[in-house]
């Protein structure tokens, strides 16, 4: 399982999540940050510090936010 960054991050990109991630699985994209679902250890540190409450556990995503999980997978697939 993984955490997912959703719409409130778009255009904001504060970056506190990057600073607290113990496995460095959060990278900055053009419009927002993304969490690598293959590296995320499900610790929740990023969610606790997000000032715009954009981070949700994969299992807690609303149907309209599931696309952000797919965007994260696409972002990291392109980075390989």
C-alpha atoms as a PDB file:
ATOM      1  CA  UNK A   1       0.000   0.000   0.000  1.00  0.00           C
ATOM      2  CA  UNK A   2       1.017   3.577  -0.536  1.00  0.00           C
ATOM      3  CA  UNK A   3       0.093   7.141   0.193  1.00  0.00           C
ATOM      4  CA  UNK A   4      -1.066   9.319  -2.695  1.00  0.00           C
ATOM      5  CA  UNK A   5      -0.803  13.068  -3.227  1.00  0.00           C
ATOM      6  CA  UNK A   6      -4.000  14.575  -4.648  1.00  0.00           C
ATOM      7  CA  UNK A   7      -5.363  17.815  -6.170  1.00  0.00           C
ATOM      8  CA  UNK A   8      -4.770  20.253  -3.275  1.00  0.00           C
ATOM      9  CA  UNK A   9      -1.019  19.932  -3.964  1.00  0.00           C
ATOM     10  CA  UNK A  10      -1.359  21.169  -7.556  1.00  0.00           C
ATOM     11  CA  UNK A  11       0.333  24.516  -7.818  1.00  0.00           C
ATOM     12  CA  UNK A  12       1.172  24.614  -4.108  1.00  0.00           C
ATOM     13  CA  UNK A  13       4.146  22.260  -3.761  1.00  0.00           C
ATOM     14  CA  UNK A  14       5.157  23.234  -0.229  1.00  0.00           C
ATOM     15  CA  UNK A  15       7.559  20.282   0.123  1.00  0.00           C
ATOM     16  CA  UNK A  16       7.285  19.431   3.805  1.00  0.00           C
ATOM     17  CA  UNK A  17       6.408  15.883   2.729  1.00  0.00           C
ATOM     18  CA  UNK A  18       9.748  15.489   0.956  1.00  0.00           C
ATOM     19  CA  UNK A  19      11.672  16.593   4.032  1.00  0.00           C
ATOM     20  CA  UNK A  20      10.087  14.009   6.370  1.00  0.00           C
ATOM     21  CA  UNK A  21       9.995  10.972   4.077  1.00  0.00           C
ATOM     22  CA  UNK A  22      12.381   8.377   5.557  1.00  0.00           C
ATOM     23  CA  UNK A  23      12.822   6.539   2.237  1.00  0.00           C
ATOM     24  CA  UNK A  24      13.012   9.512  -0.162  1.00  0.00           C
ATOM     25  CA  UNK A  25      10.098   8.284  -2.284  1.00  0.00           C
ATOM     26  CA  UNK A  26       8.562  11.717  -2.990  1.00  0.00           C
ATOM     27  CA  UNK A  27       9.677  13.645  -6.046  1.00  0.00           C
ATOM     28  CA  UNK A  28       8.613  16.974  -7.490  1.00  0.00           C
ATOM     29  CA  UNK A  29       6.793  17.020 -10.818  1.00  0.00           C
ATOM     30  CA  UNK A  30       5.863  20.013 -12.956  1.00  0.00           C
ATOM     31  CA  UNK A  31       2.625  20.798 -11.097  1.00  0.00           C
ATOM     32  CA  UNK A  32       2.788  18.736  -7.910  1.00  0.00           C
ATOM     33  CA  UNK A  33       4.721  16.178  -5.886  1.00  0.00           C
ATOM     34  CA  UNK A  34       4.351  12.429  -6.407  1.00  0.00           C
ATOM     35  CA  UNK A  35       4.879   9.464  -4.084  1.00  0.00           C
ATOM     36  CA  UNK A  36       6.492   6.385  -5.611  1.00  0.00           C
ATOM     37  CA  UNK A  37       4.032   3.596  -4.770  1.00  0.00           C
ATOM     38  CA  UNK A  38       6.762   0.968  -5.083  1.00  0.00           C
ATOM     39  CA  UNK A  39       9.028   2.647  -2.522  1.00  0.00           C
ATOM     40  CA  UNK A  40       6.490   4.045  -0.040  1.00  0.00           C
ATOM     41  CA  UNK A  41       6.698   2.189   3.277  1.00  0.00           C
ATOM     42  CA  UNK A  42       3.257   3.330   4.406  1.00  0.00           C
ATOM     43  CA  UNK A  43       4.562   5.267   7.421  1.00  0.00           C
ATOM     44  CA  UNK A  44       2.247   8.288   7.117  1.00  0.00           C
ATOM     45  CA  UNK A  45       4.912  10.874   7.970  1.00  0.00           C
ATOM     46  CA  UNK A  46       4.108  12.843   4.816  1.00  0.00           C
ATOM     47  CA  UNK A  47       0.395  12.955   5.545  1.00  0.00           C
ATOM     48  CA  UNK A  48       0.989  14.331   9.026  1.00  0.00           C
ATOM     49  CA  UNK A  49       2.910  17.389   7.762  1.00  0.00           C
ATOM     50  CA  UNK A  50       1.005  18.272   4.579  1.00  0.00           C
ATOM     51  CA  UNK A  51      -0.273  21.853   5.071  1.00  0.00           C
ATOM     52  CA  UNK A  52      -2.947  21.503   2.361  1.00  0.00           C
ATOM     53  CA  UNK A  53      -4.162  18.026   3.405  1.00  0.00           C
ATOM     54  CA  UNK A  54      -3.461  16.598  -0.057  1.00  0.00           C
ATOM     55  CA  UNK A  55      -2.112  13.203   1.029  1.00  0.00           C
ATOM     56  CA  UNK A  56      -4.327  10.172   1.506  1.00  0.00           C
ATOM     57  CA  UNK A  57      -3.742   6.487   2.009  1.00  0.00           C
ATOM     58  CA  UNK A  58      -4.397   4.569  -1.196  1.00  0.00           C
ATOM     59  CA  UNK A  59      -7.294   2.707   0.434  1.00  0.00           C
ATOM     60  CA  UNK A  60      -8.950   5.986   1.521  1.00  0.00           C
ATOM     61  CA  UNK A  61      -8.987   7.697  -1.882  1.00  0.00           C
ATOM     62  CA  UNK A  62     -12.292   8.986  -3.127  1.00  0.00           C
ATOM     63  CA  UNK A  63     -13.230   7.668  -6.589  1.00  0.00           C
ATOM     64  CA  UNK A  64     -12.477  11.053  -8.150  1.00  0.00           C
ATOM     65  CA  UNK A  65      -8.968  11.030  -6.604  1.00  0.00           C
ATOM     66  CA  UNK A  66      -7.939   7.571  -7.828  1.00  0.00           C
ATOM     67  CA  UNK A  67      -6.540   9.205 -10.970  1.00  0.00           C
ATOM     68  CA  UNK A  68      -3.737  10.702  -8.833  1.00  0.00           C
ATOM     69  CA  UNK A  69      -2.523   7.217  -7.933  1.00  0.00           C
ATOM     70  CA  UNK A  70      -2.381   6.431 -11.655  1.00  0.00           C
ATOM     71  CA  UNK A  71      -0.563   9.726 -12.311  1.00  0.00           C
ATOM     72  CA  UNK A  72       2.051   8.819  -9.701  1.00  0.00           C
ATOM     73  CA  UNK A  73       2.634   5.420 -11.300  1.00  0.00           C
ATOM     74  CA  UNK A  74       2.965   7.072 -14.719  1.00  0.00           C
ATOM     75  CA  UNK A  75       5.347   9.720 -13.349  1.00  0.00           C
ATOM     76  CA  UNK A  76       7.720   7.132 -11.877  1.00  0.00           C
ATOM     77  CA  UNK A  77       7.474   4.815 -14.903  1.00  0.00           C
ATOM     78  CA  UNK A  78       8.590   7.709 -17.120  1.00  0.00           C
ATOM     79  CA  UNK A  79      11.469   8.509 -14.768  1.00  0.00           C
ATOM     80  CA  UNK A  80      13.001   5.045 -15.162  1.00  0.00           C
END
